[in-house]
Amino acid sequence: MKLLRPFLLFFSIILFGWLFVSNINLINVATTLNEAEIRSDINKVNEFTSIERLKEFTIEKINYMEAIRNRFSENAMIRVFVILTLIILQIVLYATGGNMFSSKPTR
């Protein structure tokens, strides 16, 4: 038990760090870049003269959005699994109790 608690704590800290780092890239830091991209797409749509080309463009965008949604869904499932693992680790760490950094043995 003496080695299990530090290992679980270390593993828990690593998982918390991974969750933190994986969520950083979801923050919309480049808002102006995204707005420029949106304006560019709107200009493309306004320039279309053929309805067939507009349909192709729309289908491409819908497929792109579907791919992103699937990727976010997969990432969300991984995060849920990591969070459940962290909850279980924290329960085990709490249940084992004691101060793992003290030199005195606990009774």
C-alpha atoms as a PDB file:
ATOM      1  CA  MET A   1       0.000   0.000   0.000  1.00  0.00           C
ATOM      2  CA  LYS A   2       2.976   2.226   0.651  1.00  0.00           C
ATOM      3  CA  LEU A   3       3.926   2.245  -3.031  1.00  0.00           C
ATOM      4  CA  LEU A   4       0.385   2.031  -4.410  1.00  0.00           C
ATOM      5  CA  ARG A   5      -0.800   5.410  -3.136  1.00  0.00           C
ATOM      6  CA  PRO A   6       2.090   7.445  -4.641  1.00  0.00           C
ATOM      7  CA  PHE A   7       1.720   5.571  -7.920  1.00  0.00           C
ATOM      8  CA  LEU A   8      -2.041   6.236  -8.028  1.00  0.00           C
ATOM      9  CA  LEU A   9      -1.481   9.878  -7.140  1.00  0.00           C
ATOM     10  CA  PHE A  10       1.160  10.254  -9.865  1.00  0.00           C
ATOM     11  CA  PHE A  11      -1.099   8.532 -12.411  1.00  0.00           C
ATOM     12  CA  SER A  12      -3.974  10.771 -11.346  1.00  0.00           C
ATOM     13  CA  ILE A  13      -1.869  13.922 -11.785  1.00  0.00           C
ATOM     14  CA  ILE A  14      -0.787  12.751 -15.248  1.00  0.00           C
ATOM     15  CA  LEU A  15      -4.434  12.200 -16.274  1.00  0.00           C
ATOM     16  CA  PHE A  16      -5.478  15.602 -14.915  1.00  0.00           C
ATOM     17  CA  GLY A  17      -2.627  17.197 -16.872  1.00  0.00           C
ATOM     18  CA  TRP A  18      -3.695  15.373 -20.032  1.00  0.00           C
ATOM     19  CA  LEU A  19      -7.279  16.587 -19.602  1.00  0.00           C
ATOM     20  CA  PHE A  20      -6.044  20.139 -19.114  1.00  0.00           C
ATOM     21  CA  VAL A  21      -3.776  20.086 -22.167  1.00  0.00           C
ATOM     22  CA  SER A  22      -6.365  18.366 -24.384  1.00  0.00           C
ATOM     23  CA  ASN A  23      -8.943  21.031 -23.558  1.00  0.00           C
ATOM     24  CA  ILE A  24      -6.626  23.983 -24.183  1.00  0.00           C
ATOM     25  CA  ASN A  25      -6.832  23.524 -27.951  1.00  0.00           C
ATOM     26  CA  LEU A  26     -10.634  23.842 -27.803  1.00  0.00           C
ATOM     27  CA  ILE A  27     -10.372  27.475 -26.720  1.00  0.00           C
ATOM     28  CA  ASN A  28     -11.110  29.833 -29.587  1.00  0.00           C
ATOM     29  CA  VAL A  29      -7.949  31.929 -29.403  1.00  0.00           C
ATOM     30  CA  ALA A  30      -7.890  33.010 -33.053  1.00  0.00           C
ATOM     31  CA  THR A  31     -11.341  34.555 -33.193  1.00  0.00           C
ATOM     32  CA  THR A  32     -10.362  37.040 -35.882  1.00  0.00           C
ATOM     33  CA  LEU A  33      -8.930  34.248 -38.031  1.00  0.00           C
ATOM     34  CA  ASN A  34     -12.173  32.281 -37.710  1.00  0.00           C
ATOM     35  CA  GLU A  35     -14.228  35.366 -38.568  1.00  0.00           C
ATOM     36  CA  ALA A  36     -12.050  35.958 -41.636  1.00  0.00           C
ATOM     37  CA  GLU A  37     -12.596  32.367 -42.735  1.00  0.00           C
ATOM     38  CA  ILE A  38     -16.357  32.735 -42.295  1.00  0.00           C
ATOM     39  CA  ARG A  39     -16.382  35.967 -44.307  1.00  0.00           C
ATOM     40  CA  SER A  40     -14.342  34.241 -47.012  1.00  0.00           C
ATOM     41  CA  ASP A  41     -16.871  31.385 -47.209  1.00  0.00           C
ATOM     42  CA  ILE A  42     -19.762  33.872 -47.383  1.00  0.00           C
ATOM     43  CA  ASN A  43     -18.022  35.684 -50.229  1.00  0.00           C
ATOM     44  CA  LYS A  44     -17.545  32.367 -52.055  1.00  0.00           C
ATOM     45  CA  VAL A  45     -21.251  31.600 -51.702  1.00  0.00           C
ATOM     46  CA  ASN A  46     -22.216  35.052 -52.946  1.00  0.00           C
ATOM     47  CA  GLU A  47     -19.989  34.619 -56.028  1.00  0.00           C
ATOM     48  CA  PHE A  48     -21.624  31.377 -57.153  1.00  0.00           C
ATOM     49  CA  THR A  49     -23.699  31.700 -60.306  1.00  0.00           C
ATOM     50  CA  SER A  50     -24.388  27.996 -60.760  1.00  0.00           C
ATOM     51  CA  ILE A  51     -26.748  26.276 -58.357  1.00  0.00           C
ATOM     52  CA  GLU A  52     -24.866  23.006 -58.941  1.00  0.00           C
ATOM     53  CA  ARG A  53     -21.611  24.513 -57.707  1.00  0.00           C
ATOM     54  CA  LEU A  54     -23.420  25.947 -54.686  1.00  0.00           C
ATOM     55  CA  LYS A  55     -24.800  22.488 -53.908  1.00  0.00           C
ATOM     56  CA  GLU A  56     -21.310  20.958 -54.152  1.00  0.00           C
ATOM     57  CA  PHE A  57     -19.890  23.625 -51.838  1.00  0.00           C
ATOM     58  CA  THR A  58     -22.700  23.081 -49.334  1.00  0.00           C
ATOM     59  CA  ILE A  59     -22.278  19.311 -49.369  1.00  0.00           C
ATOM     60  CA  GLU A  60     -18.521  19.708 -48.802  1.00  0.00           C
ATOM     61  CA  LYS A  61     -19.171  21.971 -45.803  1.00  0.00           C
ATOM     62  CA  ILE A  62     -21.778  19.590 -44.360  1.00  0.00           C
ATOM     63  CA  ASN A  63     -19.382  16.635 -44.699  1.00  0.00           C
ATOM     64  CA  TYR A  64     -16.630  18.679 -43.059  1.00  0.00           C
ATOM     65  CA  MET A  65     -18.924  19.593 -40.147  1.00  0.00           C
ATOM     66  CA  GLU A  66     -19.945  15.937 -39.762  1.00  0.00           C
ATOM     67  CA  ALA A  67     -16.302  14.847 -39.611  1.00  0.00           C
ATOM     68  CA  ILE A  68     -15.555  17.456 -36.945  1.00  0.00           C
ATOM     69  CA  ARG A  69     -18.621  16.425 -34.954  1.00  0.00           C
ATOM     70  CA  ASN A  70     -17.523  12.778 -35.061  1.00  0.00           C
ATOM     71  CA  ARG A  71     -14.008  13.715 -33.946  1.00  0.00           C
ATOM     72  CA  PHE A  72     -15.386  15.792 -31.053  1.00  0.00           C
ATOM     73  CA  SER A  73     -17.657  12.903 -30.075  1.00  0.00           C
ATOM     74  CA  GLU A  74     -14.717  10.481 -30.000  1.00  0.00           C
ATOM     75  CA  ASN A  75     -12.658  12.939 -27.948  1.00  0.00           C
ATOM     76  CA  ALA A  76     -15.570  13.452 -25.564  1.00  0.00           C
ATOM     77  CA  MET A  77     -15.851   9.699 -24.983  1.00  0.00           C
ATOM     78  CA  ILE A  78     -12.126   9.518 -24.196  1.00  0.00           C
ATOM     79  CA  ARG A  79     -12.454  12.427 -21.761  1.00  0.00           C
ATOM     80  CA  VAL A  80     -15.449  10.806 -20.042  1.00  0.00           C
ATOM     81  CA  PHE A  81     -13.425   7.604 -19.626  1.00  0.00           C
ATOM     82  CA  VAL A  82     -10.473   9.566 -18.204  1.00  0.00           C
ATOM     83  CA  ILE A  83     -12.744  11.473 -15.812  1.00  0.00           C
ATOM     84  CA  LEU A  84     -14.340   8.225 -14.592  1.00  0.00           C
ATOM     85  CA  THR A  85     -10.866   6.745 -14.101  1.00  0.00           C
ATOM     86  CA  LEU A  86      -9.846   9.837 -12.115  1.00  0.00           C
ATOM     87  CA  ILE A  87     -12.955   9.599  -9.947  1.00  0.00           C
ATOM     88  CA  ILE A  88     -12.188   5.968  -9.172  1.00  0.00           C
ATOM     89  CA  LEU A  89      -8.547   6.818  -8.425  1.00  0.00           C
ATOM     90  CA  GLN A  90      -9.577   9.634  -6.097  1.00  0.00           C
ATOM     91  CA  ILE A  91     -12.007   7.344  -4.272  1.00  0.00           C
ATOM     92  CA  VAL A  92      -9.258   4.739  -3.820  1.00  0.00           C
ATOM     93  CA  LEU A  93      -6.816   7.381  -2.629  1.00  0.00           C
ATOM     94  CA  TYR A  94      -9.389   8.761  -0.183  1.00  0.00           C
ATOM     95  CA  ALA A  95     -10.323   5.301   1.063  1.00  0.00           C
ATOM     96  CA  THR A  96      -6.714   4.314   1.727  1.00  0.00           C
ATOM     97  CA  GLY A  97      -6.300   7.507   3.793  1.00  0.00           C
ATOM     98  CA  GLY A  98      -3.225   8.459   5.706  1.00  0.00           C
ATOM     99  CA  ASN A  99      -0.367  10.773   4.891  1.00  0.00           C
ATOM    100  CA  MET A 100       1.875   9.091   2.332  1.00  0.00           C
ATOM    101  CA  PHE A 101       4.645  11.627   2.880  1.00  0.00           C
ATOM    102  CA  SER A 102       5.069  11.021   6.609  1.00  0.00           C
ATOM    103  CA  SER A 103       7.893   8.779   7.789  1.00  0.00           C
ATOM    104  CA  LYS A 104       5.787   7.329  10.598  1.00  0.00           C
ATOM    105  CA  PRO A 105       3.784   4.186   9.789  1.00  0.00           C
ATOM    106  CA  THR A 106      -0.001   4.510  10.125  1.00  0.00           C
ATOM    107  CA  ARG A 107      -1.999   2.053  12.215  1.00  0.00           C
END
